[in-house]
Amino acid sequence: GYAQPLVADYVDKLAAEIGTPPDAARAQAIVARLP
């Protein structure tokens, strides 16, 4: 319950980084940088 808001906020940042419409290259860069 304590970590859930932090994870949700970080997922929002990753979704914003991918953009709208989503950019596959940015998604690949995130995968290369993070597990």
Full PDB file with SEQRES, HELIX, SHEET, SSBOND, CRYST1, ORIGX, SCALE, CONECT and MASTER records, all heavy atoms in Angstrom:
SEQRES   1 A   35  GLY TYR ALA GLN PRO LEU VAL ALA ASP TYR VAL ASP LYS          
SEQRES   2 A   35  LEU ALA ALA GLU ILE GLY THR PRO PRO ASP ALA ALA ARG          
SEQRES   3 A   35  ALA GLN ALA ILE VAL ALA ARG LEU PRO                          
HELIX    1 AA1 GLN A    4  ILE A   18  1                                  15    
HELIX    2 AA2 ALA A   24  ARG A   33  1                                  10    
CRYST1    1.000    1.000    1.000  90.00  90.00  90.00 P 1           1          
ORIGX1      1.000000  0.000000  0.000000        0.00000                         
ORIGX2      0.000000  1.000000  0.000000        0.00000                         
ORIGX3      0.000000  0.000000  1.000000        0.00000                         
SCALE1      1.000000  0.000000  0.000000        0.00000                         
SCALE2      0.000000  1.000000  0.000000        0.00000                         
SCALE3      0.000000  0.000000  1.000000        0.00000                         
ATOM      1  N   GLY A   1       0.805  -1.208   0.000  1.00  0.00           N  
ATOM      2  CA  GLY A   1       0.000   0.000   0.000  1.00  0.00           C  
ATOM      3  C   GLY A   1       0.842   1.264   0.000  1.00  0.00           C  
ATOM      4  O   GLY A   1       0.453   2.298  -0.564  1.00  0.00           O  
ATOM      5  N   TYR A   2       2.014   1.188   0.605  1.00  0.00           N  
ATOM      6  CA  TYR A   2       2.912   2.349   0.642  1.00  0.00           C  
ATOM      7  C   TYR A   2       3.602   2.552  -0.703  1.00  0.00           C  
ATOM      8  O   TYR A   2       3.804   3.692  -1.159  1.00  0.00           O  
ATOM      9  CB  TYR A   2       3.947   2.146   1.745  1.00  0.00           C  
ATOM     10  CG  TYR A   2       4.937   3.262   1.883  1.00  0.00           C  
ATOM     11  CD1 TYR A   2       4.592   4.464   2.509  1.00  0.00           C  
ATOM     12  CD2 TYR A   2       6.233   3.137   1.367  1.00  0.00           C  
ATOM     13  CE1 TYR A   2       5.504   5.498   2.631  1.00  0.00           C  
ATOM     14  CE2 TYR A   2       7.151   4.160   1.486  1.00  0.00           C  
ATOM     15  CZ  TYR A   2       6.786   5.341   2.126  1.00  0.00           C  
ATOM     16  OH  TYR A   2       7.688   6.360   2.245  1.00  0.00           O  
ATOM     17  N   ALA A   3       3.974   1.432  -1.371  1.00  0.00           N  
ATOM     18  CA  ALA A   3       4.742   1.546  -2.616  1.00  0.00           C  
ATOM     19  C   ALA A   3       3.866   1.730  -3.843  1.00  0.00           C  
ATOM     20  O   ALA A   3       4.350   2.190  -4.881  1.00  0.00           O  
ATOM     21  CB  ALA A   3       5.614   0.292  -2.799  1.00  0.00           C  
ATOM     22  N   GLN A   4       2.595   1.395  -3.768  1.00  0.00           N  
ATOM     23  CA  GLN A   4       1.735   1.455  -4.956  1.00  0.00           C  
ATOM     24  C   GLN A   4       1.664   2.848  -5.583  1.00  0.00           C  
ATOM     25  O   GLN A   4       1.816   2.974  -6.815  1.00  0.00           O  
ATOM     26  CB  GLN A   4       0.327   0.967  -4.584  1.00  0.00           C  
ATOM     27  CG  GLN A   4      -0.662   1.063  -5.732  1.00  0.00           C  
ATOM     28  CD  GLN A   4      -2.051   0.634  -5.308  1.00  0.00           C  
ATOM     29  OE1 GLN A   4      -2.212  -0.034  -4.300  1.00  0.00           O  
ATOM     30  NE2 GLN A   4      -3.045   1.047  -6.066  1.00  0.00           N  
ATOM     31  N   PRO A   5       1.473   3.916  -4.837  1.00  0.00           N  
ATOM     32  CA  PRO A   5       1.439   5.240  -5.481  1.00  0.00           C  
ATOM     33  C   PRO A   5       2.756   5.600  -6.178  1.00  0.00           C  
ATOM     34  O   PRO A   5       2.751   6.230  -7.234  1.00  0.00           O  
ATOM     35  CB  PRO A   5       1.141   6.192  -4.320  1.00  0.00           C  
ATOM     36  CG  PRO A   5       0.495   5.345  -3.276  1.00  0.00           C  
ATOM     37  CD  PRO A   5       1.155   4.024  -3.389  1.00  0.00           C  
ATOM     38  N   LEU A   6       3.880   5.157  -5.590  1.00  0.00           N  
ATOM     39  CA  LEU A   6       5.179   5.435  -6.203  1.00  0.00           C  
ATOM     40  C   LEU A   6       5.303   4.709  -7.537  1.00  0.00           C  
ATOM     41  O   LEU A   6       5.773   5.287  -8.537  1.00  0.00           O  
ATOM     42  CB  LEU A   6       6.299   5.012  -5.250  1.00  0.00           C  
ATOM     43  CG  LEU A   6       6.333   5.716  -3.886  1.00  0.00           C  
ATOM     44  CD1 LEU A   6       7.466   5.151  -3.030  1.00  0.00           C  
ATOM     45  CD2 LEU A   6       6.509   7.212  -4.075  1.00  0.00           C  
ATOM     46  N   VAL A   7       4.876   3.421  -7.559  1.00  0.00           N  
ATOM     47  CA  VAL A   7       4.969   2.654  -8.813  1.00  0.00           C  
ATOM     48  C   VAL A   7       4.049   3.254  -9.876  1.00  0.00           C  
ATOM     49  O   VAL A   7       4.421   3.400 -11.048  1.00  0.00           O  
ATOM     50  CB  VAL A   7       4.625   1.176  -8.544  1.00  0.00           C  
ATOM     51  CG1 VAL A   7       4.553   0.387  -9.853  1.00  0.00           C  
ATOM     52  CG2 VAL A   7       5.638   0.555  -7.604  1.00  0.00           C  
ATOM     53  N   ALA A   8       2.822   3.598  -9.468  1.00  0.00           N  
ATOM     54  CA  ALA A   8       1.877   4.169 -10.433  1.00  0.00           C  
ATOM     55  C   ALA A   8       2.394   5.490 -11.000  1.00  0.00           C  
ATOM     56  O   ALA A   8       2.278   5.769 -12.211  1.00  0.00           O  
ATOM     57  CB  ALA A   8       0.519   4.374  -9.755  1.00  0.00           C  
ATOM     58  N   ASP A   9       2.992   6.334 -10.140  1.00  0.00           N  
ATOM     59  CA  ASP A   9       3.552   7.600 -10.605  1.00  0.00           C  
ATOM     60  C   ASP A   9       4.702   7.365 -11.579  1.00  0.00           C  
ATOM     61  O   ASP A   9       4.827   8.067 -12.597  1.00  0.00           O  
ATOM     62  CB  ASP A   9       4.022   8.427  -9.409  1.00  0.00           C  
ATOM     63  CG  ASP A   9       4.534   9.796  -9.836  1.00  0.00           C  
ATOM     64  OD1 ASP A   9       3.706  10.646 -10.208  1.00  0.00           O  
ATOM     65  OD2 ASP A   9       5.771   9.991  -9.797  1.00  0.00           O  
ATOM     66  N   TYR A  10       5.539   6.359 -11.293  1.00  0.00           N  
ATOM     67  CA  TYR A  10       6.668   6.089 -12.192  1.00  0.00           C  
ATOM     68  C   TYR A  10       6.174   5.536 -13.530  1.00  0.00           C  
ATOM     69  O   TYR A  10       6.714   5.869 -14.588  1.00  0.00           O  
ATOM     70  CB  TYR A  10       7.613   5.082 -11.523  1.00  0.00           C  
ATOM     71  CG  TYR A  10       8.931   4.949 -12.228  1.00  0.00           C  
ATOM     72  CD1 TYR A  10       9.870   5.981 -12.205  1.00  0.00           C  
ATOM     73  CD2 TYR A  10       9.232   3.800 -12.950  1.00  0.00           C  
ATOM     74  CE1 TYR A  10      11.077   5.865 -12.866  1.00  0.00           C  
ATOM     75  CE2 TYR A  10      10.435   3.672 -13.614  1.00  0.00           C  
ATOM     76  CZ  TYR A  10      11.361   4.704 -13.562  1.00  0.00           C  
ATOM     77  OH  TYR A  10      12.550   4.588 -14.233  1.00  0.00           O  
ATOM     78  N   VAL A  11       5.120   4.711 -13.501  1.00  0.00           N  
ATOM     79  CA  VAL A  11       4.560   4.193 -14.761  1.00  0.00           C  
ATOM     80  C   VAL A  11       3.986   5.344 -15.590  1.00  0.00           C  
ATOM     81  O   VAL A  11       4.102   5.361 -16.833  1.00  0.00           O  
ATOM     82  CB  VAL A  11       3.502   3.112 -14.457  1.00  0.00           C  
ATOM     83  CG1 VAL A  11       2.733   2.743 -15.726  1.00  0.00           C  
ATOM     84  CG2 VAL A  11       4.163   1.873 -13.881  1.00  0.00           C  
ATOM     85  N   ASP A  12       3.374   6.309 -14.929  1.00  0.00           N  
ATOM     86  CA  ASP A  12       2.869   7.482 -15.666  1.00  0.00           C  
ATOM     87  C   ASP A  12       4.014   8.202 -16.370  1.00  0.00           C  
ATOM     88  O   ASP A  12       3.874   8.648 -17.524  1.00  0.00           O  
ATOM     89  CB  ASP A  12       2.164   8.430 -14.698  1.00  0.00           C  
ATOM     90  CG  ASP A  12       0.819   7.866 -14.222  1.00  0.00           C  
ATOM     91  OD1 ASP A  12       0.271   6.978 -14.928  1.00  0.00           O  
ATOM     92  OD2 ASP A  12       0.335   8.291 -13.150  1.00  0.00           O  
ATOM     93  N   LYS A  13       5.136   8.343 -15.701  1.00  0.00           N  
ATOM     94  CA  LYS A  13       6.292   8.999 -16.314  1.00  0.00           C  
ATOM     95  C   LYS A  13       6.817   8.207 -17.503  1.00  0.00           C  
ATOM     96  O   LYS A  13       7.190   8.776 -18.540  1.00  0.00           O  
ATOM     97  CB  LYS A  13       7.391   9.203 -15.289  1.00  0.00           C  
ATOM     98  CG  LYS A  13       7.071  10.269 -14.238  1.00  0.00           C  
ATOM     99  CD  LYS A  13       8.231  10.447 -13.282  1.00  0.00           C  
ATOM    100  CE  LYS A  13       7.994  11.645 -12.366  1.00  0.00           C  
ATOM    101  NZ  LYS A  13       6.763  11.559 -11.603  1.00  0.00           N  
ATOM    102  N   LEU A  14       6.846   6.837 -17.374  1.00  0.00           N  
ATOM    103  CA  LEU A  14       7.300   6.028 -18.503  1.00  0.00           C  
ATOM    104  C   LEU A  14       6.337   6.128 -19.678  1.00  0.00           C  
ATOM    105  O   LEU A  14       6.753   6.202 -20.847  1.00  0.00           O  
ATOM    106  CB  LEU A  14       7.424   4.555 -18.061  1.00  0.00           C  
ATOM    107  CG  LEU A  14       8.527   4.233 -17.041  1.00  0.00           C  
ATOM    108  CD1 LEU A  14       8.505   2.749 -16.697  1.00  0.00           C  
ATOM    109  CD2 LEU A  14       9.910   4.614 -17.590  1.00  0.00           C  
ATOM    110  N   ALA A  15       5.015   6.151 -19.383  1.00  0.00           N  
ATOM    111  CA  ALA A  15       4.031   6.301 -20.467  1.00  0.00           C  
ATOM    112  C   ALA A  15       4.168   7.651 -21.143  1.00  0.00           C  
ATOM    113  O   ALA A  15       4.062   7.776 -22.388  1.00  0.00           O  
ATOM    114  CB  ALA A  15       2.622   6.121 -19.896  1.00  0.00           C  
ATOM    115  N   ALA A  16       4.424   8.718 -20.365  1.00  0.00           N  
ATOM    116  CA  ALA A  16       4.621  10.045 -20.958  1.00  0.00           C  
ATOM    117  C   ALA A  16       5.867  10.087 -21.804  1.00  0.00           C  
ATOM    118  O   ALA A  16       5.924  10.769 -22.845  1.00  0.00           O  
ATOM    119  CB  ALA A  16       4.686  11.091 -19.837  1.00  0.00           C  
ATOM    120  N   GLU A  17       6.910   9.361 -21.373  1.00  0.00           N  
ATOM    121  CA  GLU A  17       8.165   9.333 -22.139  1.00  0.00           C  
ATOM    122  C   GLU A  17       7.969   8.635 -23.481  1.00  0.00           C  
ATOM    123  O   GLU A  17       8.563   9.028 -24.482  1.00  0.00           O  
ATOM    124  CB  GLU A  17       9.238   8.619 -21.314  1.00  0.00           C  
ATOM    125  CG  GLU A  17      10.618   8.623 -21.973  1.00  0.00           C  
ATOM    126  CD  GLU A  17      11.675   7.975 -21.112  1.00  0.00           C  
ATOM    127  OE1 GLU A  17      11.418   7.791 -19.882  1.00  0.00           O  
ATOM    128  OE2 GLU A  17      12.755   7.650 -21.631  1.00  0.00           O  
ATOM    129  N   ILE A  18       7.128   7.606 -23.506  1.00  0.00           N  
ATOM    130  CA  ILE A  18       6.862   6.913 -24.781  1.00  0.00           C  
ATOM    131  C   ILE A  18       6.050   7.810 -25.707  1.00  0.00           C  
ATOM    132  O   ILE A  18       6.229   7.819 -26.919  1.00  0.00           O  
ATOM    133  CB  ILE A  18       6.135   5.581 -24.508  1.00  0.00           C  
ATOM    134  CG1 ILE A  18       7.086   4.624 -23.772  1.00  0.00           C  
ATOM    135  CG2 ILE A  18       5.644   4.937 -25.792  1.00  0.00           C  
ATOM    136  CD1 ILE A  18       6.437   3.337 -23.352  1.00  0.00           C  
ATOM    137  N   GLY A  19       5.165   8.633 -25.135  1.00  0.00           N  
ATOM    138  CA  GLY A  19       4.421   9.618 -25.926  1.00  0.00           C  
ATOM    139  C   GLY A  19       3.131   9.098 -26.505  1.00  0.00           C  
ATOM    140  O   GLY A  19       2.806   7.915 -26.432  1.00  0.00           O  
ATOM    141  N   THR A  20       2.397  10.088 -27.118  1.00  0.00           N  
ATOM    142  CA  THR A  20       1.149   9.760 -27.795  1.00  0.00           C  
ATOM    143  C   THR A  20       1.162  10.422 -29.168  1.00  0.00           C  
ATOM    144  O   THR A  20       1.268  11.655 -29.251  1.00  0.00           O  
ATOM    145  CB  THR A  20      -0.055  10.286 -26.993  1.00  0.00           C  
ATOM    146  OG1 THR A  20       0.003   9.763 -25.659  1.00  0.00           O  
ATOM    147  CG2 THR A  20      -1.347   9.848 -27.633  1.00  0.00           C  
ATOM    148  N   PRO A  21       1.054   9.687 -30.234  1.00  0.00           N  
ATOM    149  CA  PRO A  21       1.009   8.230 -30.294  1.00  0.00           C  
ATOM    150  C   PRO A  21       2.313   7.630 -29.800  1.00  0.00           C  
ATOM    151  O   PRO A  21       3.342   8.309 -29.793  1.00  0.00           O  
ATOM    152  CB  PRO A  21       0.748   7.953 -31.769  1.00  0.00           C  
ATOM    153  CG  PRO A  21       1.357   9.108 -32.468  1.00  0.00           C  
ATOM    154  CD  PRO A  21       1.122  10.313 -31.584  1.00  0.00           C  
ATOM    155  N   PRO A  22       2.306   6.399 -29.368  1.00  0.00           N  
ATOM    156  CA  PRO A  22       3.503   5.800 -28.784  1.00  0.00           C  
ATOM    157  C   PRO A  22       4.617   5.654 -29.815  1.00  0.00           C  
ATOM    158  O   PRO A  22       4.382   5.353 -30.989  1.00  0.00           O  
ATOM    159  CB  PRO A  22       3.006   4.453 -28.288  1.00  0.00           C  
ATOM    160  CG  PRO A  22       1.786   4.151 -29.075  1.00  0.00           C  
ATOM    161  CD  PRO A  22       1.154   5.461 -29.376  1.00  0.00           C  
ATOM    162  N   ASP A  23       5.840   5.868 -29.311  1.00  0.00           N  
ATOM    163  CA  ASP A  23       7.034   5.757 -30.140  1.00  0.00           C  
ATOM    164  C   ASP A  23       7.758   4.474 -29.753  1.00  0.00           C  
ATOM    165  O   ASP A  23       8.249   4.334 -28.624  1.00  0.00           O  
ATOM    166  CB  ASP A  23       7.926   6.965 -29.920  1.00  0.00           C  
ATOM    167  CG  ASP A  23       9.094   7.009 -30.903  1.00  0.00           C  
ATOM    168  OD1 ASP A  23       9.426   5.930 -31.467  1.00  0.00           O  
ATOM    169  OD2 ASP A  23       9.692   8.081 -31.063  1.00  0.00           O  
ATOM    170  N   ALA A  24       7.857   3.525 -30.698  1.00  0.00           N  
ATOM    171  CA  ALA A  24       8.486   2.243 -30.418  1.00  0.00           C  
ATOM    172  C   ALA A  24       9.960   2.403 -30.084  1.00  0.00           C  
ATOM    173  O   ALA A  24      10.512   1.663 -29.262  1.00  0.00           O  
ATOM    174  CB  ALA A  24       8.299   1.304 -31.611  1.00  0.00           C  
ATOM    175  N   ALA A  25      10.612   3.400 -30.707  1.00  0.00           N  
ATOM    176  CA  ALA A  25      12.044   3.599 -30.427  1.00  0.00           C  
ATOM    177  C   ALA A  25      12.255   4.024 -28.975  1.00  0.00           C  
ATOM    178  O   ALA A  25      13.182   3.583 -28.297  1.00  0.00           O  
ATOM    179  CB  ALA A  25      12.605   4.639 -31.388  1.00  0.00           C  
ATOM    180  N   ARG A  26      11.385   4.923 -28.492  1.00  0.00           N  
ATOM    181  CA  ARG A  26      11.505   5.336 -27.086  1.00  0.00           C  
ATOM    182  C   ARG A  26      11.228   4.149 -26.135  1.00  0.00           C  
ATOM    183  O   ARG A  26      11.887   4.014 -25.108  1.00  0.00           O  
ATOM    184  CB  ARG A  26      10.532   6.463 -26.796  1.00  0.00           C  
ATOM    185  CG  ARG A  26      10.881   7.753 -27.531  1.00  0.00           C  
ATOM    186  CD  ARG A  26       9.853   8.824 -27.205  1.00  0.00           C  
ATOM    187  NE  ARG A  26      10.131  10.070 -27.925  1.00  0.00           N  
ATOM    188  CZ  ARG A  26       9.382  11.167 -27.849  1.00  0.00           C  
ATOM    189  NH1 ARG A  26       8.285  11.140 -27.070  1.00  0.00           N  
ATOM    190  NH2 ARG A  26       9.709  12.250 -28.512  1.00  0.00           N  
ATOM    191  N   ALA A  27      10.223   3.318 -26.509  1.00  0.00           N  
ATOM    192  CA  ALA A  27       9.935   2.150 -25.687  1.00  0.00           C  
ATOM    193  C   ALA A  27      11.145   1.206 -25.632  1.00  0.00           C  
ATOM    194  O   ALA A  27      11.508   0.677 -24.574  1.00  0.00           O  
ATOM    195  CB  ALA A  27       8.709   1.405 -26.220  1.00  0.00           C  
ATOM    196  N   GLN A  28      11.828   1.052 -26.789  1.00  0.00           N  
ATOM    197  CA  GLN A  28      13.012   0.193 -26.829  1.00  0.00           C  
ATOM    198  C   GLN A  28      14.134   0.769 -25.984  1.00  0.00           C  
ATOM    199  O   GLN A  28      14.874   0.059 -25.311  1.00  0.00           O  
ATOM    200  CB  GLN A  28      13.469   0.005 -28.281  1.00  0.00           C  
ATOM    201  CG  GLN A  28      14.601  -1.011 -28.443  1.00  0.00           C  
ATOM    202  CD  GLN A  28      14.194  -2.406 -28.008  1.00  0.00           C  
ATOM    203  OE1 GLN A  28      13.141  -2.886 -28.407  1.00  0.00           O  
ATOM    204  NE2 GLN A  28      15.009  -3.037 -27.168  1.00  0.00           N  
ATOM    205  N   ALA A  29      14.255   2.097 -25.981  1.00  0.00           N  
ATOM    206  CA  ALA A  29      15.284   2.745 -25.174  1.00  0.00           C  
ATOM    207  C   ALA A  29      15.025   2.527 -23.687  1.00  0.00           C  
ATOM    208  O   ALA A  29      15.953   2.324 -22.892  1.00  0.00           O  
ATOM    209  CB  ALA A  29      15.339   4.235 -25.508  1.00  0.00           C  
ATOM    210  N   ILE A  30      13.758   2.588 -23.300  1.00  0.00           N  
ATOM    211  CA  ILE A  30      13.412   2.334 -21.884  1.00  0.00           C  
ATOM    212  C   ILE A  30      13.760   0.908 -21.503  1.00  0.00           C  
ATOM    213  O   ILE A  30      14.320   0.642 -20.434  1.00  0.00           O  
ATOM    214  CB  ILE A  30      11.924   2.625 -21.658  1.00  0.00           C  
ATOM    215  CG1 ILE A  30      11.646   4.126 -21.785  1.00  0.00           C  
ATOM    216  CG2 ILE A  30      11.474   2.116 -20.295  1.00  0.00           C  
ATOM    217  CD1 ILE A  30      10.181   4.488 -21.706  1.00  0.00           C  
ATOM    218  N   VAL A  31      13.448  -0.047 -22.402  1.00  0.00           N  
ATOM    219  CA  VAL A  31      13.747  -1.451 -22.126  1.00  0.00           C  
ATOM    220  C   VAL A  31      15.248  -1.673 -21.990  1.00  0.00           C  
ATOM    221  O   VAL A  31      15.723  -2.440 -21.144  1.00  0.00           O  
ATOM    222  CB  VAL A  31      13.152  -2.347 -23.229  1.00  0.00           C  
ATOM    223  CG1 VAL A  31      13.639  -3.779 -23.103  1.00  0.00           C  
ATOM    224  CG2 VAL A  31      11.635  -2.305 -23.186  1.00  0.00           C  
ATOM    225  N   ALA A  32      16.040  -0.974 -22.833  1.00  0.00           N  
ATOM    226  CA  ALA A  32      17.495  -1.107 -22.760  1.00  0.00           C  
ATOM    227  C   ALA A  32      18.050  -0.506 -21.474  1.00  0.00           C  
ATOM    228  O   ALA A  32      19.086  -0.941 -20.969  1.00  0.00           O  
ATOM    229  CB  ALA A  32      18.128  -0.457 -23.986  1.00  0.00           C  
ATOM    230  N   ARG A  33      17.369   0.515 -20.942  1.00  0.00           N  
ATOM    231  CA  ARG A  33      17.871   1.209 -19.756  1.00  0.00           C  
ATOM    232  C   ARG A  33      17.410   0.576 -18.450  1.00  0.00           C  
ATOM    233  O   ARG A  33      18.135   0.592 -17.455  1.00  0.00           O  
ATOM    234  CB  ARG A  33      17.383   2.669 -19.812  1.00  0.00           C  
ATOM    235  CG  ARG A  33      17.968   3.558 -18.719  1.00  0.00           C  
ATOM    236  CD  ARG A  33      17.561   5.009 -18.908  1.00  0.00           C  
ATOM    237  NE  ARG A  33      16.185   5.256 -18.459  1.00  0.00           N  
ATOM    238  CZ  ARG A  33      15.186   5.577 -19.244  1.00  0.00           C  
ATOM    239  NH1 ARG A  33      15.370   5.666 -20.557  1.00  0.00           N  
ATOM    240  NH2 ARG A  33      13.976   5.789 -18.760  1.00  0.00           N  
ATOM    241  N   LEU A  34      16.202   0.016 -18.444  1.00  0.00           N  
ATOM    242  CA  LEU A  34      15.605  -0.486 -17.213  1.00  0.00           C  
ATOM    243  C   LEU A  34      15.225  -1.970 -17.359  1.00  0.00           C  
ATOM    244  O   LEU A  34      14.937  -2.436 -18.469  1.00  0.00           O  
ATOM    245  CB  LEU A  34      14.347   0.321 -16.868  1.00  0.00           C  
ATOM    246  CG  LEU A  34      14.530   1.826 -16.677  1.00  0.00           C  
ATOM    247  CD1 LEU A  34      13.169   2.484 -16.507  1.00  0.00           C  
ATOM    248  CD2 LEU A  34      15.409   2.098 -15.463  1.00  0.00           C  
ATOM    249  N   PRO A  35      15.172  -2.714 -16.267  1.00  0.00           N  
ATOM    250  CA  PRO A  35      14.770  -4.129 -16.316  1.00  0.00           C  
ATOM    251  C   PRO A  35      13.250  -4.275 -16.374  1.00  0.00           C  
ATOM    252  O   PRO A  35      12.613  -4.785 -15.445  1.00  0.00           O  
ATOM    253  CB  PRO A  35      15.342  -4.698 -15.007  1.00  0.00           C  
ATOM    254  CG  PRO A  35      15.325  -3.552 -14.065  1.00  0.00           C  
ATOM    255  CD  PRO A  35      15.616  -2.337 -14.899  1.00  0.00           C  
TER     256      PRO A  35                                                      
MASTER        0    0    0    2    0    0    0    6  255    1    0    3          
END                                                                             
